[in-house]
Protein backbone atom coordinates (compact mmCIF):
# COMPACT_ATOMS: atom_id res chain seq x y z
CA UNK A 1 29.38 21.55 -12.40
CA UNK A 2 25.90 19.98 -12.37
CA UNK A 3 23.77 21.19 -9.48
CA UNK A 4 22.92 18.60 -6.82
CA UNK A 5 19.19 18.17 -6.49
CA UNK A 6 17.79 19.11 -3.10
CA UNK A 7 15.44 16.48 -1.73
CA UNK A 8 13.31 16.79 1.36
CA UNK A 9 12.49 13.37 2.80
CA UNK A 10 9.18 13.71 4.63
CA UNK A 11 7.77 11.00 6.89
CA UNK A 12 5.55 10.40 9.91
CA UNK A 13 6.88 11.12 13.37
CA UNK A 14 5.06 9.80 16.47
CA UNK A 15 6.14 12.86 18.47
CA UNK A 16 6.87 16.44 17.37
CA UNK A 17 10.51 17.18 16.55
CA UNK A 18 12.04 20.53 15.56
CA UNK A 19 13.27 21.33 12.06
CA UNK A 20 16.83 20.15 11.60
CA UNK A 21 16.42 17.16 13.91
CA UNK A 22 18.58 14.36 12.46
CA UNK A 23 16.60 11.20 13.35
CA UNK A 24 19.94 9.33 13.50
CA UNK A 25 18.97 7.38 16.60
CA UNK A 26 15.50 6.52 15.29
CA UNK A 27 16.92 5.32 11.97
CA UNK A 28 18.84 2.60 13.79
CA UNK A 29 15.65 0.89 15.00
CA UNK A 30 13.52 -1.63 13.04
CA UNK A 31 10.40 0.57 13.15
CA UNK A 32 12.21 3.17 11.04
CA UNK A 33 13.64 0.78 8.45
CA UNK A 34 11.89 2.38 5.47
CA UNK A 35 12.95 5.92 6.34
CA UNK A 36 16.51 4.75 6.98
CA UNK A 37 16.73 2.74 3.76
CA UNK A 38 15.34 5.54 1.58
CA UNK A 39 17.58 8.15 3.23
CA UNK A 40 20.71 6.06 2.69
CA UNK A 41 19.78 5.41 -0.95
CA UNK A 42 19.12 9.08 -1.66
CA UNK A 43 22.49 10.02 -0.18
CA UNK A 44 24.20 7.24 -2.16
CA UNK A 45 22.71 8.71 -5.34
CA UNK A 46 24.44 12.01 -4.63
CA UNK A 47 21.40 14.08 -3.67
CA UNK A 48 21.47 16.80 -1.02
CA UNK A 49 19.01 15.29 1.48
CA UNK A 50 17.19 16.85 4.41
CA UNK A 51 14.74 15.03 6.67
CA UNK A 52 11.50 16.27 8.19
CA UNK A 53 9.14 14.36 10.47
CA UNK A 54 5.48 15.39 10.55
CA UNK A 55 3.32 14.74 13.60
CA UNK A 56 0.34 17.02 14.26
CA UNK A 57 1.54 20.39 12.97
CA UNK A 58 1.75 21.09 9.24
CA UNK A 59 3.35 24.50 9.88
CA UNK A 60 6.75 22.87 10.31
CA UNK A 61 6.56 21.79 6.67
CA UNK A 62 5.37 25.18 5.45
CA UNK A 63 8.23 26.90 7.30
CA UNK A 64 10.76 24.51 5.78
CA UNK A 65 9.45 25.01 2.25
CA UNK A 66 9.43 28.79 2.64
CA UNK A 67 13.02 28.97 3.85
CA UNK A 68 14.61 26.17 1.82
CA UNK A 69 12.40 24.99 -1.04
CA UNK A 70 13.51 21.55 -2.30
CA UNK A 71 13.58 20.35 -5.89
CA UNK A 72 11.66 17.20 -4.95
CA UNK A 73 9.83 15.95 -1.88
CA UNK A 74 10.23 12.23 -1.26
CA UNK A 75 6.85 11.53 0.30
CA UNK A 76 6.75 8.79 2.93
CA UNK A 77 3.96 10.46 4.92
CA UNK A 78 1.12 8.02 5.56
CA UNK A 79 -0.77 9.51 8.50
CA UNK A 80 -1.43 12.88 10.08
CA UNK A 81 -2.38 13.01 13.74
CA UNK A 82 -2.77 9.19 13.61
CA UNK A 83 -5.32 9.39 10.77
CA UNK A 84 -4.32 7.47 7.63
CA UNK A 85 -7.19 8.98 5.62
CA UNK A 86 -5.37 12.34 5.67
CA UNK A 87 -2.49 11.13 3.49
CA UNK A 88 -4.41 12.53 0.50
CA UNK A 89 -4.58 15.95 2.14
CA UNK A 90 -0.82 16.04 2.48
CA UNK A 91 -0.39 15.24 -1.21
CA UNK A 92 -3.01 17.86 -2.10
CA UNK A 93 -1.04 20.49 -0.18
CA UNK A 94 2.10 19.66 -2.17
CA UNK A 95 0.09 19.88 -5.39
CA UNK A 96 -1.18 23.33 -4.38
CA UNK A 97 2.38 24.45 -3.71
CA UNK A 98 3.57 23.11 -7.07
CA UNK A 99 6.42 21.04 -5.65
CA UNK A 100 7.27 17.73 -7.37
CA UNK A 101 6.78 14.80 -5.02
CA UNK A 102 7.09 11.04 -5.23
CA UNK A 103 4.21 8.61 -5.22
CA UNK A 104 0.52 8.92 -5.91
CA UNK A 105 -1.55 12.05 -6.44
CA UNK A 106 -4.10 13.22 -3.88
CA UNK A 107 -6.94 11.89 -6.06
CA UNK A 108 -5.42 8.42 -6.32
CA UNK A 109 -4.68 8.28 -2.60
CA UNK A 110 -8.29 9.21 -1.86
CA UNK A 111 -9.61 6.50 -4.19
CA UNK A 112 -7.26 3.74 -3.03
CA UNK A 113 -7.82 4.53 0.65
CA UNK A 114 -11.49 3.63 0.17
CA UNK A 115 -11.62 -0.10 -0.56
CA UNK A 116 -15.17 0.07 -1.91
CA UNK A 117 -14.58 3.08 -4.14
CA UNK A 118 -11.58 1.69 -5.99
CA UNK A 119 -13.32 -1.68 -6.37
CA UNK A 120 -16.35 0.07 -7.92
CA UNK A 121 -14.08 1.83 -10.41
CA UNK A 122 -12.26 -1.38 -11.31
CA UNK A 123 -15.53 -3.29 -11.69
CA UNK A 124 -16.93 -0.52 -13.94
CA UNK A 125 -13.93 -1.11 -16.21
CA UNK A 126 -14.52 -4.87 -16.12
CA UNK A 127 -11.49 -5.64 -14.02
CA UNK A 128 -12.42 -8.53 -11.76
CA UNK A 129 -12.75 -7.89 -8.00
CA UNK A 130 -14.58 -9.93 -5.32
CA UNK A 131 -18.25 -9.11 -4.91
CA UNK A 132 -18.68 -6.86 -1.89
CA UNK A 133 -20.99 -4.73 0.23
CA UNK A 134 -20.24 -1.65 2.34
CA UNK A 135 -21.64 -1.16 5.84
CA UNK A 136 -21.43 2.36 7.20
CA UNK A 137 -21.68 3.08 10.89
CA UNK A 138 -25.15 3.61 12.40
CA UNK A 139 -26.78 1.66 9.57
CA UNK A 140 -28.44 -1.74 9.63
CA UNK A 141 -26.18 -4.78 9.15
CA UNK A 142 -27.47 -7.86 7.30
CA UNK A 143 -26.27 -10.52 4.88
CA UNK A 144 -26.88 -9.23 1.34
CA UNK A 145 -28.24 -11.72 -1.19
CA UNK A 146 -25.76 -10.44 -3.78
CA UNK A 147 -22.72 -11.99 -2.07
CA UNK A 148 -21.99 -15.58 -1.09
CA UNK A 149 -20.34 -17.11 1.96
CA UNK A 150 -17.58 -17.39 3.09
CA UNK A 151 -16.81 -13.69 3.48
CA UNK A 152 -14.01 -11.53 4.79
CA UNK A 153 -14.78 -8.40 6.81
CA UNK A 154 -12.35 -5.46 6.73
CA UNK A 155 -12.19 -1.81 7.78
CA UNK A 156 -13.24 0.26 4.77
CA UNK A 157 -10.33 2.70 4.99
CA UNK A 158 -7.28 1.17 6.62
CA UNK A 159 -3.86 -0.04 5.49
CA UNK A 160 -1.26 -2.73 6.25
CA UNK A 161 -3.97 -5.29 7.15
CA UNK A 162 -4.85 -3.43 10.35
CA UNK A 163 -8.16 -4.76 11.62
CA UNK A 164 -7.79 -8.09 9.81
CA UNK A 165 -7.49 -11.31 11.85
CA UNK A 166 -8.60 -14.92 11.49
CA UNK A 167 -11.94 -13.80 12.93
CA UNK A 168 -12.38 -11.58 9.86
CA UNK A 169 -13.20 -14.65 7.73
CA UNK A 170 -16.80 -15.69 8.42
CA UNK A 171 -19.08 -18.43 7.14
CA UNK A 172 -22.46 -17.37 8.52
CA UNK A 173 -24.55 -14.24 8.93
CA UNK A 174 -24.24 -14.03 12.72
CA UNK A 175 -20.44 -14.06 12.56
CA UNK A 176 -20.48 -11.47 9.79
CA UNK A 177 -22.73 -9.12 11.77
CA UNK A 178 -20.57 -9.55 14.86
CA UNK A 179 -17.37 -8.70 12.97
CA UNK A 180 -18.90 -5.68 11.25
CA UNK A 181 -20.08 -4.39 14.62
CA UNK A 182 -16.57 -4.93 16.03
CA UNK A 183 -15.13 -2.65 13.31
CA UNK A 184 -17.92 -0.10 13.82
CA UNK A 185 -17.77 0.01 17.60
CA UNK A 186 -14.19 -0.89 18.54
CA UNK A 187 -12.29 0.58 15.60
CA UNK A 188 -14.75 3.44 14.96
CA UNK A 189 -14.61 2.74 11.22
CA UNK A 190 -16.94 1.78 8.39
CA UNK A 191 -16.66 -1.79 7.12
CA UNK A 192 -16.50 -3.62 3.82
CA UNK A 193 -17.61 -7.24 3.46
CA UNK A 194 -16.40 -9.15 0.42
CA UNK A 195 -16.43 -12.71 -0.84
CA UNK A 196 -13.42 -14.64 0.40
CA UNK A 197 -11.47 -15.98 -2.59
CA UNK A 198 -9.82 -19.30 -1.75
CA UNK A 199 -6.54 -19.63 -3.59
CA UNK A 200 -3.02 -18.32 -4.03
CA UNK A 201 -2.27 -14.74 -2.94
CA UNK A 202 0.22 -12.76 -5.01
CA UNK A 203 1.69 -9.26 -4.81
CA UNK A 204 2.32 -7.42 -8.07
CA UNK A 205 4.59 -4.38 -7.98
CA UNK A 206 4.38 -1.74 -10.71
CA UNK A 207 6.81 1.02 -11.59
CA UNK A 208 6.27 3.95 -13.96
CA UNK A 209 4.05 6.82 -15.06
CA UNK A 210 2.48 6.49 -18.51
CA UNK A 211 4.90 3.72 -19.49
CA UNK A 212 4.92 1.09 -16.77
CA UNK A 213 6.80 -2.05 -15.85
CA UNK A 214 5.39 -5.06 -14.03
CA UNK A 215 8.08 -6.39 -11.72
CA UNK A 216 8.56 -10.10 -10.86
CA UNK A 217 5.59 -11.48 -8.94
CA UNK A 218 5.75 -12.25 -5.23
CA UNK A 219 3.58 -14.74 -3.33
CA UNK A 220 2.71 -15.41 0.30
CA UNK A 221 3.03 -19.05 1.37
CA UNK A 222 1.07 -20.35 4.36
CA UNK A 223 3.37 -23.27 5.15
CA UNK A 224 1.98 -24.72 8.40
CA UNK A 225 -1.59 -23.44 8.19
CA UNK A 226 -4.02 -26.38 8.15
CA UNK A 227 -6.70 -26.84 5.51
CA UNK A 228 -9.34 -26.10 8.16
CA UNK A 229 -7.94 -22.60 8.79
CA UNK A 230 -8.46 -19.69 6.37
CA UNK A 231 -5.29 -18.72 4.54
CA UNK A 232 -5.42 -14.97 4.94
CA UNK A 233 -2.77 -12.26 5.24
CA UNK A 234 -3.81 -10.97 8.65
CA UNK A 235 -2.00 -8.15 10.45
CA UNK A 236 -0.05 -10.71 12.49
CA UNK A 237 0.73 -12.79 9.41
CA UNK A 238 2.31 -9.73 7.82
CA UNK A 239 4.10 -8.05 10.71
CA UNK A 240 4.61 -10.47 13.63
CA UNK A 241 7.82 -12.39 12.96
CA UNK A 242 7.21 -14.93 15.73
CA UNK A 243 3.73 -15.64 14.39
CA UNK A 244 5.09 -16.01 10.86
CA UNK A 245 7.76 -18.42 12.03
CA UNK A 246 5.27 -20.50 14.03
CA UNK A 247 2.93 -20.95 11.06
CA UNK A 248 5.60 -21.13 8.35
CA UNK A 249 4.37 -18.00 6.60
CA UNK A 250 6.85 -16.75 4.01
CA UNK A 251 6.84 -14.25 1.17
CA UNK A 252 8.69 -15.64 -1.83
CA UNK A 253 8.85 -15.16 -5.57
CA UNK A 254 5.81 -16.71 -7.19
CA UNK A 255 6.04 -20.33 -8.23
CA UNK A 256 4.87 -21.79 -11.50
CA UNK A 257 1.58 -20.46 -12.85
CA UNK A 258 -0.86 -22.05 -15.26
CA UNK A 259 -0.11 -21.34 -18.91
CA UNK A 260 -1.06 -17.80 -19.85
CA UNK A 261 -1.95 -16.79 -16.29
CA UNK A 262 1.07 -14.51 -15.89
CA UNK A 263 -0.10 -12.56 -18.95
CA UNK A 264 -3.62 -12.27 -17.51
CA UNK A 265 -2.24 -10.99 -14.21
CA UNK A 266 0.00 -8.43 -15.91
CA UNK A 267 -2.79 -7.18 -18.18
CA UNK A 268 -5.22 -6.80 -15.26
CA UNK A 269 -2.71 -4.88 -13.15
CA UNK A 270 -1.63 -2.63 -16.01
CA UNK A 271 -5.24 -1.76 -16.75
CA UNK A 272 -5.96 -1.13 -13.07
CA UNK A 273 -2.86 1.08 -12.75
CA UNK A 274 -4.03 3.29 -15.61
CA UNK A 275 -7.70 3.28 -14.60
CA UNK A 276 -6.82 4.48 -11.08
CA UNK A 277 -4.40 7.05 -12.54
CA UNK A 278 -1.50 5.69 -10.49
CA UNK A 279 1.96 7.22 -10.77
CA UNK A 280 5.55 6.41 -9.75
CA UNK A 281 4.96 3.06 -8.05
CA UNK A 282 2.20 0.86 -6.65
CA UNK A 283 1.39 -2.69 -5.59
CA UNK A 284 -1.66 -4.86 -6.21
CA UNK A 285 -2.70 -7.69 -3.93
CA UNK A 286 -4.45 -10.40 -5.95
CA UNK A 287 -5.87 -13.86 -5.51
CA UNK A 288 -6.14 -16.68 -8.01
CA UNK A 289 -9.35 -18.65 -7.48
CA UNK A 290 -8.32 -22.23 -6.76
CA UNK A 291 -11.38 -23.63 -8.55
CA UNK A 292 -11.60 -21.71 -11.82
CA UNK A 293 -8.21 -19.96 -12.00
CA UNK A 294 -9.72 -16.49 -12.31
CA UNK A 295 -7.68 -13.49 -11.15
CA UNK A 296 -9.20 -11.11 -8.60
CA UNK A 297 -7.68 -7.83 -7.48
CA UNK A 298 -8.13 -7.60 -3.71
CA UNK A 299 -6.37 -4.31 -3.00
CA UNK A 300 -4.81 -1.45 -4.97
CA UNK A 301 -2.00 -0.02 -2.84
CA UNK A 302 -0.80 3.47 -3.71
CA UNK A 303 2.54 4.36 -2.09
CA UNK A 304 3.30 0.85 -0.76
CA UNK A 305 6.18 0.18 1.61
CA UNK A 306 9.64 0.92 0.18
CA UNK A 307 11.86 -0.79 2.76
CA UNK A 308 14.68 -2.86 1.29
CA UNK A 309 13.13 -6.11 2.46
CA UNK A 310 9.56 -5.36 1.34
CA UNK A 311 7.75 -6.63 -1.74
CA UNK A 312 8.38 -3.83 -4.23
CA UNK A 313 12.10 -3.57 -3.49
CA UNK A 314 12.54 -7.35 -3.62
CA UNK A 315 10.75 -7.52 -6.97
CA UNK A 316 12.88 -4.68 -8.34
CA UNK A 317 16.05 -6.47 -7.24
CA UNK A 318 14.89 -9.61 -9.05
CA UNK A 319 14.38 -7.51 -12.18
CA UNK A 320 17.97 -6.27 -11.99
CA UNK A 321 17.18 -2.92 -10.38
CA UNK A 322 19.27 -2.37 -7.26
CA UNK A 323 17.70 -0.61 -4.29
CA UNK A 324 19.65 2.58 -4.94
CA UNK A 325 18.58 2.49 -8.58
CA UNK A 326 14.94 1.96 -7.55
CA UNK A 327 14.92 5.02 -5.28
CA UNK A 328 16.63 7.05 -8.00
CA UNK A 329 14.03 5.94 -10.56
CA UNK A 330 11.24 7.04 -8.23
CA UNK A 331 12.83 10.49 -7.91
CA UNK A 332 13.13 10.75 -11.70
CA UNK A 333 9.52 9.64 -12.14
CA UNK A 334 8.40 12.38 -9.74
CA UNK A 335 10.25 15.00 -11.76
CA UNK A 336 8.89 13.60 -15.05
CA UNK A 337 5.31 13.58 -13.73
CA UNK A 338 5.59 17.30 -12.96
CA UNK A 339 6.01 17.90 -16.69
CA UNK A 340 3.24 15.60 -17.93
C-alpha cells in the first residue's frame, strides 16, 4: 500500500494555541476561508493533514517538527508577531531544516516584499514597471524630477493593498509629501512613490517551477467610479464588500484585449517569474496604459491568496483545474522543487 504523505498546514494565528488544536470553529468563519479551503482540499486529496497556527513563538513549530516531521509543509504563514516582513524568515527556517514547503523561497519573499527592490530587478532586465522613487523614514521628502504626476504613494513593504486609499493618488507635490509623511509617521513604514498608470488593471496568475503556465487573466472593473475619481485597487476596494457593491467594483475574467496584447502580457509575466526566481505559484498585478497600450507590472506577489474565491483559484478553475487539483499540484511542485 502506498504511504499517505504527511502534510503540516502552517498558518498565522492571532492568538497562541497549543499543538493539536483543531481550529474547527475558526475555519467556519470568513476570516479563515483560505485555511479552511486548503485544509479541505488537502484532506480530499487523501493526505494525512495536521494544522499548526503560529503567533509569536516559533518553538511550537520546532517541537512539532522534532516529534512528527512531515513530508511537506503547506506554507500559509504571512506574518510573525504582526510583522509581514518576517515571512521570509519563516521560509528560511524551513530551508535550513531541509523540509519541502509550498510557495516561494526565502530569497524571493524578501525581494517581492520590497516593492522598490523587485522593480529595480525587473527594470534591469528590461521588464516595464512604472517609474518610481523610494522615501525612507527620517529622510527629506521632495518631488523628484525623474517621475511625472499623477503619482501613487504606497508603503514600501506591505501586502493586500494595506495603506492604499483614494488619498494615495496625488497630483501635486504638497499632496505627495503629505501622503509620504502619513506612511512614515502613522504606519511607521518607508514609502514608495510611483507614476500612476491610467488604464485597465489585470491580475495574472502563474503556476509552475521551471516550466510554468499562465492561467486565464482576471481584471478588476470599476463600474460606478466616475471619470473624476482615480480607478485604483485600494484596501477597501479589495476587501470591503459593501464598498465594492456601492461602487460596482467587480473582479471578472479579462475582456477583449488588443491584438497581440495577451502575448505581450504572458511574455512579460513569464520573464518576471523567472527573473525573480519564483516557484510553485505567484500572481502579477499589471496595468495597460490607456494611451499607448504598454504593459506595466505593478506588483509581483509571491504566495498570493489561495482561497477558493480568489484570483489564482478562479483562474485555475477557468483553465480546467479544479480547486482540489490546484492544491494537489502545489504540493507536487513543492516536492519537485526539493529535487531541483
